[in-house]
Amino acid sequence: MANDLMTRNGFGMMDPFERMAQRLWAPFDDSEQVLKTDISETDDQYQVKVDIPGIDKQDVKLAYRDNLLSIKVQKHSFVDHSDKDQNVVMNERHEGTLQRDYMLPDVEADKIQASQTDGVLTITLPKSKDVTGDGKIEIN
């Protein structure tokens, strides 16, 4: 009976070897790609730091509306098809879009500042009781 329960996936139990295989292949799983983010808060502002290595600032779209900061990143991959001899051993570059939204209330949208340095996007969102602005954010 115990062995029957251990093999049922309906209970969320997996074979130990299956769990080990999932951990082994996890670094290669595209579903794990997210925008790694740190958010800090003071009485005056929120500060958001997002890792976006290798991304040009024109490929990042930021917006703030209805207490929601939206970050959308378009990643372009380099694909070299000029190697006719099939000498490429590995290619891990990907292309696609990553997007995350963060609920950050009471922000003065027209005073939000963003900059990108060394692959880190830093967004400073000043807090305010009177919320105004159109929601578009330029990256310096």
N, C-alpha and C. Protein backbone atom coordinates (compact mmCIF):
# COMPACT_ATOMS: atom_id res chain seq x y z
N MET A 1 0.83 -1.20 0.00
CA MET A 1 0.00 0.00 0.00
C MET A 1 0.87 1.26 0.00
N ALA A 2 1.90 1.28 0.82
CA ALA A 2 2.77 2.45 0.87
C ALA A 2 3.46 2.67 -0.47
N ASN A 3 3.87 1.61 -1.14
CA ASN A 3 4.51 1.74 -2.44
C ASN A 3 3.54 2.30 -3.48
N ASP A 4 2.27 1.90 -3.40
CA ASP A 4 1.27 2.43 -4.33
C ASP A 4 1.10 3.93 -4.13
N LEU A 5 1.08 4.39 -2.89
CA LEU A 5 0.94 5.82 -2.63
C LEU A 5 2.15 6.60 -3.12
N MET A 6 3.34 6.04 -2.99
CA MET A 6 4.56 6.74 -3.39
C MET A 6 4.62 6.95 -4.90
N THR A 7 3.96 6.11 -5.68
CA THR A 7 4.05 6.23 -7.13
C THR A 7 2.93 7.08 -7.72
N ARG A 8 2.01 7.51 -6.93
CA ARG A 8 0.91 8.34 -7.43
C ARG A 8 1.34 9.79 -7.51
N ASN A 9 1.28 10.37 -8.69
CA ASN A 9 1.65 11.78 -8.86
C ASN A 9 0.55 12.71 -8.37
N GLY A 10 -0.66 12.20 -8.20
CA GLY A 10 -1.74 13.03 -7.71
C GLY A 10 -1.47 13.58 -6.31
N PHE A 11 -0.63 12.91 -5.55
CA PHE A 11 -0.30 13.35 -4.21
C PHE A 11 0.97 14.20 -4.19
N GLY A 12 1.56 14.48 -5.37
CA GLY A 12 2.74 15.31 -5.45
C GLY A 12 4.01 14.59 -5.03
N MET A 13 3.96 13.27 -4.92
CA MET A 13 5.15 12.51 -4.53
C MET A 13 5.84 12.02 -5.80
N MET A 14 7.17 12.18 -5.85
CA MET A 14 7.93 11.73 -7.01
C MET A 14 8.99 10.74 -6.58
N ASP A 15 9.36 9.94 -7.52
CA ASP A 15 10.48 9.05 -7.33
C ASP A 15 11.73 9.89 -7.02
N PRO A 16 12.57 9.48 -6.07
CA PRO A 16 13.76 10.27 -5.75
C PRO A 16 14.67 10.48 -6.95
N PHE A 17 14.73 9.52 -7.86
CA PHE A 17 15.57 9.67 -9.05
C PHE A 17 14.98 10.70 -10.02
N GLU A 18 13.66 10.78 -10.08
CA GLU A 18 13.02 11.79 -10.91
C GLU A 18 13.29 13.19 -10.36
N ARG A 19 13.23 13.35 -9.04
CA ARG A 19 13.55 14.64 -8.42
C ARG A 19 15.00 15.03 -8.71
N MET A 20 15.92 14.05 -8.62
CA MET A 20 17.31 14.33 -8.88
C MET A 20 17.51 14.75 -10.36
N ALA A 21 16.83 14.10 -11.28
CA ALA A 21 16.94 14.44 -12.69
C ALA A 21 16.39 15.84 -12.95
N GLN A 22 15.30 16.22 -12.29
CA GLN A 22 14.75 17.56 -12.47
C GLN A 22 15.73 18.62 -11.99
N ARG A 23 16.39 18.37 -10.85
CA ARG A 23 17.38 19.32 -10.36
C ARG A 23 18.58 19.40 -11.29
N LEU A 24 18.96 18.29 -11.88
CA LEU A 24 20.11 18.26 -12.79
C LEU A 24 19.83 19.10 -14.04
N TRP A 25 18.61 18.99 -14.58
CA TRP A 25 18.28 19.69 -15.82
C TRP A 25 17.72 21.08 -15.59
N ALA A 26 17.46 21.47 -14.36
CA ALA A 26 16.86 22.78 -14.07
C ALA A 26 17.64 23.96 -14.64
N PRO A 27 18.98 23.98 -14.62
CA PRO A 27 19.69 25.13 -15.20
C PRO A 27 19.45 25.30 -16.69
N PHE A 28 19.01 24.25 -17.37
CA PHE A 28 18.79 24.31 -18.81
C PHE A 28 17.34 24.53 -19.17
N ASP A 29 16.49 24.65 -18.18
CA ASP A 29 15.05 24.81 -18.40
C ASP A 29 14.72 26.28 -18.64
N ASP A 30 14.17 26.62 -19.83
CA ASP A 30 13.85 28.00 -20.18
C ASP A 30 12.77 28.59 -19.29
N SER A 31 11.93 27.78 -18.67
CA SER A 31 10.86 28.31 -17.82
C SER A 31 11.41 28.99 -16.58
N GLU A 32 12.68 28.74 -16.25
CA GLU A 32 13.29 29.35 -15.08
C GLU A 32 13.79 30.76 -15.34
N GLN A 33 13.72 31.24 -16.59
CA GLN A 33 14.22 32.56 -16.91
C GLN A 33 13.22 33.62 -16.45
N VAL A 34 13.63 34.41 -15.51
CA VAL A 34 12.83 35.52 -15.02
C VAL A 34 13.74 36.71 -14.83
N LEU A 35 13.16 37.87 -14.66
CA LEU A 35 13.93 39.07 -14.38
C LEU A 35 14.24 39.08 -12.89
N LYS A 36 15.48 38.80 -12.54
CA LYS A 36 15.90 38.77 -11.14
C LYS A 36 15.86 40.20 -10.59
N THR A 37 15.12 40.40 -9.50
CA THR A 37 14.81 41.74 -9.02
C THR A 37 15.02 41.85 -7.51
N ASP A 38 15.54 43.02 -7.10
CA ASP A 38 15.60 43.40 -5.69
C ASP A 38 14.79 44.69 -5.55
N ILE A 39 13.91 44.75 -4.56
CA ILE A 39 13.12 45.95 -4.30
C ILE A 39 13.33 46.37 -2.85
N SER A 40 13.71 47.63 -2.67
CA SER A 40 13.85 48.17 -1.32
C SER A 40 12.90 49.36 -1.17
N GLU A 41 12.54 49.64 0.07
CA GLU A 41 11.58 50.71 0.35
C GLU A 41 12.06 51.54 1.52
N THR A 42 11.93 52.86 1.37
CA THR A 42 12.15 53.78 2.47
C THR A 42 10.86 54.58 2.63
N ASP A 43 10.85 55.54 3.55
CA ASP A 43 9.68 56.38 3.72
C ASP A 43 9.42 57.24 2.49
N ASP A 44 10.49 57.57 1.73
CA ASP A 44 10.38 58.50 0.61
C ASP A 44 10.28 57.86 -0.77
N GLN A 45 10.75 56.59 -0.91
CA GLN A 45 10.82 56.02 -2.25
C GLN A 45 10.92 54.50 -2.23
N TYR A 46 10.68 53.92 -3.41
CA TYR A 46 11.00 52.53 -3.69
C TYR A 46 12.22 52.55 -4.60
N GLN A 47 13.08 51.53 -4.47
CA GLN A 47 14.17 51.38 -5.42
C GLN A 47 14.13 49.94 -5.93
N VAL A 48 14.09 49.83 -7.26
CA VAL A 48 13.99 48.53 -7.90
C VAL A 48 15.27 48.31 -8.70
N LYS A 49 15.92 47.18 -8.49
CA LYS A 49 17.11 46.82 -9.25
C LYS A 49 16.83 45.50 -9.95
N VAL A 50 17.06 45.50 -11.27
CA VAL A 50 16.76 44.33 -12.10
C VAL A 50 18.00 43.95 -12.89
N ASP A 51 18.37 42.69 -12.84
CA ASP A 51 19.50 42.20 -13.64
C ASP A 51 19.06 42.01 -15.08
N ILE A 52 19.71 42.75 -16.00
CA ILE A 52 19.43 42.60 -17.43
C ILE A 52 20.74 42.63 -18.22
N PRO A 53 21.64 41.68 -17.93
CA PRO A 53 22.93 41.69 -18.61
C PRO A 53 22.79 41.48 -20.12
N GLY A 54 23.56 42.24 -20.87
CA GLY A 54 23.56 42.09 -22.33
C GLY A 54 22.37 42.68 -23.04
N ILE A 55 21.54 43.45 -22.35
CA ILE A 55 20.34 44.04 -22.94
C ILE A 55 20.58 45.53 -23.16
N ASP A 56 20.32 46.02 -24.36
CA ASP A 56 20.41 47.46 -24.64
C ASP A 56 19.19 48.16 -24.07
N LYS A 57 19.38 49.42 -23.66
CA LYS A 57 18.27 50.12 -23.00
C LYS A 57 17.08 50.35 -23.92
N GLN A 58 17.31 50.38 -25.25
CA GLN A 58 16.17 50.55 -26.15
C GLN A 58 15.31 49.28 -26.23
N ASP A 59 15.82 48.16 -25.69
CA ASP A 59 15.05 46.91 -25.67
C ASP A 59 14.31 46.71 -24.35
N VAL A 60 14.29 47.75 -23.50
CA VAL A 60 13.60 47.70 -22.21
C VAL A 60 12.46 48.72 -22.24
N LYS A 61 11.26 48.28 -21.91
CA LYS A 61 10.10 49.17 -21.84
C LYS A 61 9.60 49.19 -20.40
N LEU A 62 9.47 50.40 -19.86
CA LEU A 62 9.00 50.58 -18.50
C LEU A 62 7.72 51.41 -18.51
N ALA A 63 6.81 51.08 -17.62
CA ALA A 63 5.58 51.87 -17.47
C ALA A 63 5.09 51.75 -16.03
N TYR A 64 4.41 52.82 -15.59
CA TYR A 64 3.80 52.81 -14.25
C TYR A 64 2.38 53.34 -14.39
N ARG A 65 1.41 52.48 -14.10
CA ARG A 65 0.00 52.87 -14.14
C ARG A 65 -0.76 52.09 -13.08
N ASP A 66 -1.70 52.77 -12.46
CA ASP A 66 -2.58 52.13 -11.47
C ASP A 66 -1.79 51.35 -10.41
N ASN A 67 -0.74 52.00 -9.87
CA ASN A 67 0.10 51.42 -8.81
C ASN A 67 0.91 50.21 -9.26
N LEU A 68 1.07 50.01 -10.57
CA LEU A 68 1.75 48.84 -11.10
C LEU A 68 2.93 49.26 -11.97
N LEU A 69 4.14 48.84 -11.56
CA LEU A 69 5.34 49.05 -12.37
C LEU A 69 5.49 47.84 -13.28
N SER A 70 5.55 48.09 -14.60
CA SER A 70 5.71 47.03 -15.59
C SER A 70 7.07 47.15 -16.24
N ILE A 71 7.78 46.03 -16.31
CA ILE A 71 9.08 45.97 -16.95
C ILE A 71 9.00 44.89 -18.02
N LYS A 72 9.29 45.28 -19.27
CA LYS A 72 9.27 44.34 -20.39
C LYS A 72 10.61 44.42 -21.09
N VAL A 73 11.27 43.27 -21.25
CA VAL A 73 12.61 43.20 -21.84
C VAL A 73 12.55 42.29 -23.06
N GLN A 74 13.05 42.79 -24.19
CA GLN A 74 13.15 42.00 -25.41
C GLN A 74 14.60 41.57 -25.56
N LYS A 75 14.85 40.27 -25.54
CA LYS A 75 16.21 39.74 -25.67
C LYS A 75 16.40 39.24 -27.08
N HIS A 76 17.43 39.77 -27.74
CA HIS A 76 17.77 39.34 -29.09
C HIS A 76 18.98 38.43 -29.03
N SER A 77 18.90 37.32 -29.71
CA SER A 77 19.97 36.34 -29.69
C SER A 77 20.87 36.51 -30.90
N PHE A 78 22.13 36.20 -30.72
CA PHE A 78 23.07 36.18 -31.82
C PHE A 78 23.10 34.77 -32.38
N VAL A 79 22.76 34.62 -33.65
CA VAL A 79 22.81 33.32 -34.30
C VAL A 79 23.74 33.44 -35.49
N ASP A 80 24.82 32.68 -35.49
CA ASP A 80 25.80 32.72 -36.55
C ASP A 80 25.63 31.50 -37.44
N HIS A 81 25.09 31.72 -38.63
CA HIS A 81 24.88 30.61 -39.57
C HIS A 81 26.00 30.53 -40.60
N SER A 82 27.09 31.27 -40.41
CA SER A 82 28.16 31.30 -41.39
C SER A 82 29.11 30.11 -41.29
N ASP A 83 29.00 29.31 -40.24
CA ASP A 83 29.89 28.17 -40.06
C ASP A 83 29.35 26.98 -40.84
N LYS A 84 29.87 26.78 -42.03
CA LYS A 84 29.39 25.70 -42.91
C LYS A 84 29.93 24.32 -42.50
N ASP A 85 31.00 24.30 -41.68
CA ASP A 85 31.62 23.04 -41.30
C ASP A 85 31.04 22.44 -40.02
N GLN A 86 29.98 23.05 -39.47
CA GLN A 86 29.33 22.54 -38.26
C GLN A 86 30.28 22.47 -37.08
N ASN A 87 31.09 23.52 -36.88
CA ASN A 87 32.05 23.54 -35.79
C ASN A 87 31.48 24.08 -34.49
N VAL A 88 30.23 24.44 -34.46
CA VAL A 88 29.62 24.96 -33.24
C VAL A 88 29.40 23.80 -32.27
N VAL A 89 29.94 23.91 -31.07
CA VAL A 89 29.81 22.85 -30.08
C VAL A 89 28.57 23.07 -29.22
N MET A 90 28.29 24.34 -28.86
CA MET A 90 27.16 24.64 -28.00
C MET A 90 26.65 26.04 -28.32
N ASN A 91 25.35 26.23 -28.24
CA ASN A 91 24.75 27.54 -28.40
C ASN A 91 23.67 27.70 -27.35
N GLU A 92 23.90 28.58 -26.35
CA GLU A 92 22.95 28.76 -25.26
C GLU A 92 22.27 30.11 -25.32
N ARG A 93 22.41 30.84 -26.37
CA ARG A 93 21.78 32.15 -26.48
C ARG A 93 20.34 31.98 -26.91
N HIS A 94 19.49 32.80 -26.33
CA HIS A 94 18.06 32.69 -26.57
C HIS A 94 17.50 34.02 -27.04
N GLU A 95 16.33 33.96 -27.61
CA GLU A 95 15.63 35.17 -28.01
C GLU A 95 14.22 35.09 -27.45
N GLY A 96 13.73 36.22 -26.98
CA GLY A 96 12.38 36.21 -26.45
C GLY A 96 12.10 37.43 -25.62
N THR A 97 10.96 37.42 -24.96
CA THR A 97 10.51 38.54 -24.16
C THR A 97 10.30 38.08 -22.73
N LEU A 98 10.80 38.88 -21.80
CA LEU A 98 10.55 38.65 -20.38
C LEU A 98 9.79 39.84 -19.84
N GLN A 99 8.80 39.60 -18.99
CA GLN A 99 8.03 40.70 -18.43
C GLN A 99 7.66 40.38 -16.99
N ARG A 100 7.74 41.43 -16.16
CA ARG A 100 7.29 41.31 -14.77
C ARG A 100 6.58 42.59 -14.37
N ASP A 101 5.64 42.44 -13.47
CA ASP A 101 4.87 43.55 -12.93
C ASP A 101 5.01 43.55 -11.41
N TYR A 102 5.11 44.75 -10.84
CA TYR A 102 5.25 44.89 -9.39
C TYR A 102 4.25 45.92 -8.89
N MET A 103 3.51 45.57 -7.84
CA MET A 103 2.56 46.48 -7.23
C MET A 103 3.30 47.38 -6.25
N LEU A 104 3.44 48.66 -6.61
CA LEU A 104 4.13 49.65 -5.78
C LEU A 104 3.22 50.88 -5.68
N PRO A 105 2.45 51.01 -4.60
CA PRO A 105 1.44 52.06 -4.50
C PRO A 105 2.01 53.43 -4.16
N ASP A 106 1.21 54.46 -4.48
CA ASP A 106 1.47 55.84 -4.08
C ASP A 106 2.80 56.38 -4.61
N VAL A 107 3.01 56.23 -5.91
CA VAL A 107 4.23 56.70 -6.55
C VAL A 107 3.90 57.90 -7.43
N GLU A 108 4.79 58.88 -7.40
CA GLU A 108 4.66 60.07 -8.24
C GLU A 108 5.28 59.73 -9.61
N ALA A 109 4.45 59.31 -10.57
CA ALA A 109 4.90 58.74 -11.83
C ALA A 109 5.78 59.69 -12.65
N ASP A 110 5.49 60.99 -12.62
CA ASP A 110 6.28 61.92 -13.43
C ASP A 110 7.67 62.19 -12.86
N LYS A 111 7.98 61.66 -11.69
CA LYS A 111 9.31 61.84 -11.09
C LYS A 111 10.11 60.54 -11.00
N ILE A 112 9.62 59.49 -11.64
CA ILE A 112 10.34 58.21 -11.64
C ILE A 112 11.59 58.36 -12.49
N GLN A 113 12.70 57.82 -11.98
CA GLN A 113 13.97 57.85 -12.72
C GLN A 113 14.47 56.43 -12.91
N ALA A 114 15.09 56.21 -14.09
CA ALA A 114 15.65 54.89 -14.38
C ALA A 114 17.01 55.05 -15.05
N SER A 115 17.93 54.17 -14.68
CA SER A 115 19.25 54.16 -15.31
C SER A 115 19.72 52.72 -15.42
N GLN A 116 20.64 52.50 -16.36
CA GLN A 116 21.17 51.16 -16.58
C GLN A 116 22.70 51.23 -16.56
N THR A 117 23.32 50.47 -15.66
CA THR A 117 24.78 50.44 -15.54
C THR A 117 25.24 49.02 -15.29
N ASP A 118 26.20 48.57 -16.06
CA ASP A 118 26.81 47.24 -15.87
C ASP A 118 25.78 46.12 -15.79
N GLY A 119 24.77 46.16 -16.66
CA GLY A 119 23.79 45.09 -16.71
C GLY A 119 22.74 45.12 -15.62
N VAL A 120 22.69 46.22 -14.85
CA VAL A 120 21.68 46.35 -13.80
C VAL A 120 20.83 47.59 -14.08
N LEU A 121 19.54 47.39 -14.20
CA LEU A 121 18.57 48.47 -14.36
C LEU A 121 18.13 48.92 -12.98
N THR A 122 18.30 50.22 -12.68
CA THR A 122 17.90 50.77 -11.38
C THR A 122 16.77 51.76 -11.61
N ILE A 123 15.66 51.55 -10.94
CA ILE A 123 14.49 52.41 -11.07
C ILE A 123 14.18 52.98 -9.69
N THR A 124 14.12 54.31 -9.60
CA THR A 124 13.79 54.98 -8.35
C THR A 124 12.40 55.57 -8.49
N LEU A 125 11.51 55.18 -7.59
CA LEU A 125 10.12 55.61 -7.63
C LEU A 125 9.80 56.40 -6.38
N PRO A 126 9.78 57.75 -6.47
CA PRO A 126 9.47 58.57 -5.29
C PRO A 126 8.02 58.38 -4.86
N LYS A 127 7.80 58.29 -3.57
CA LYS A 127 6.44 58.15 -3.05
C LYS A 127 5.76 59.51 -2.95
N SER A 128 4.46 59.48 -3.09
CA SER A 128 3.67 60.71 -2.98
C SER A 128 2.26 60.36 -2.55
N LYS A 129 1.61 61.31 -1.90
CA LYS A 129 0.20 61.15 -1.57
C LYS A 129 -0.68 61.52 -2.78
N ASP A 130 -0.20 62.48 -3.58
CA ASP A 130 -0.94 62.92 -4.77
C ASP A 130 -0.30 62.27 -6.00
N VAL A 131 -0.98 61.30 -6.59
CA VAL A 131 -0.44 60.56 -7.72
C VAL A 131 -0.83 61.24 -9.02
N THR A 132 0.20 61.58 -9.87
CA THR A 132 -0.03 62.19 -11.17
C THR A 132 0.92 61.59 -12.18
N GLY A 133 0.76 61.96 -13.44
CA GLY A 133 1.68 61.53 -14.50
C GLY A 133 1.02 60.57 -15.47
N ASP A 134 1.65 60.42 -16.66
CA ASP A 134 1.09 59.60 -17.72
C ASP A 134 1.60 58.17 -17.71
N GLY A 135 2.60 57.85 -16.90
CA GLY A 135 3.03 56.48 -16.74
C GLY A 135 4.23 56.05 -17.56
N LYS A 136 4.72 56.87 -18.50
CA LYS A 136 5.87 56.49 -19.31
C LYS A 136 7.15 56.83 -18.56
N ILE A 137 8.16 55.96 -18.67
CA ILE A 137 9.42 56.13 -17.97
C ILE A 137 10.55 56.04 -18.99
N GLU A 138 11.45 57.02 -19.02
CA GLU A 138 12.61 57.00 -19.88
C GLU A 138 13.81 56.48 -19.09
N ILE A 139 14.68 55.69 -19.75
CA ILE A 139 15.88 55.19 -19.12
C ILE A 139 17.03 56.10 -19.48
N ASN A 140 17.77 56.61 -18.48
CA ASN A 140 18.91 57.50 -18.73
C ASN A 140 20.14 56.71 -19.05
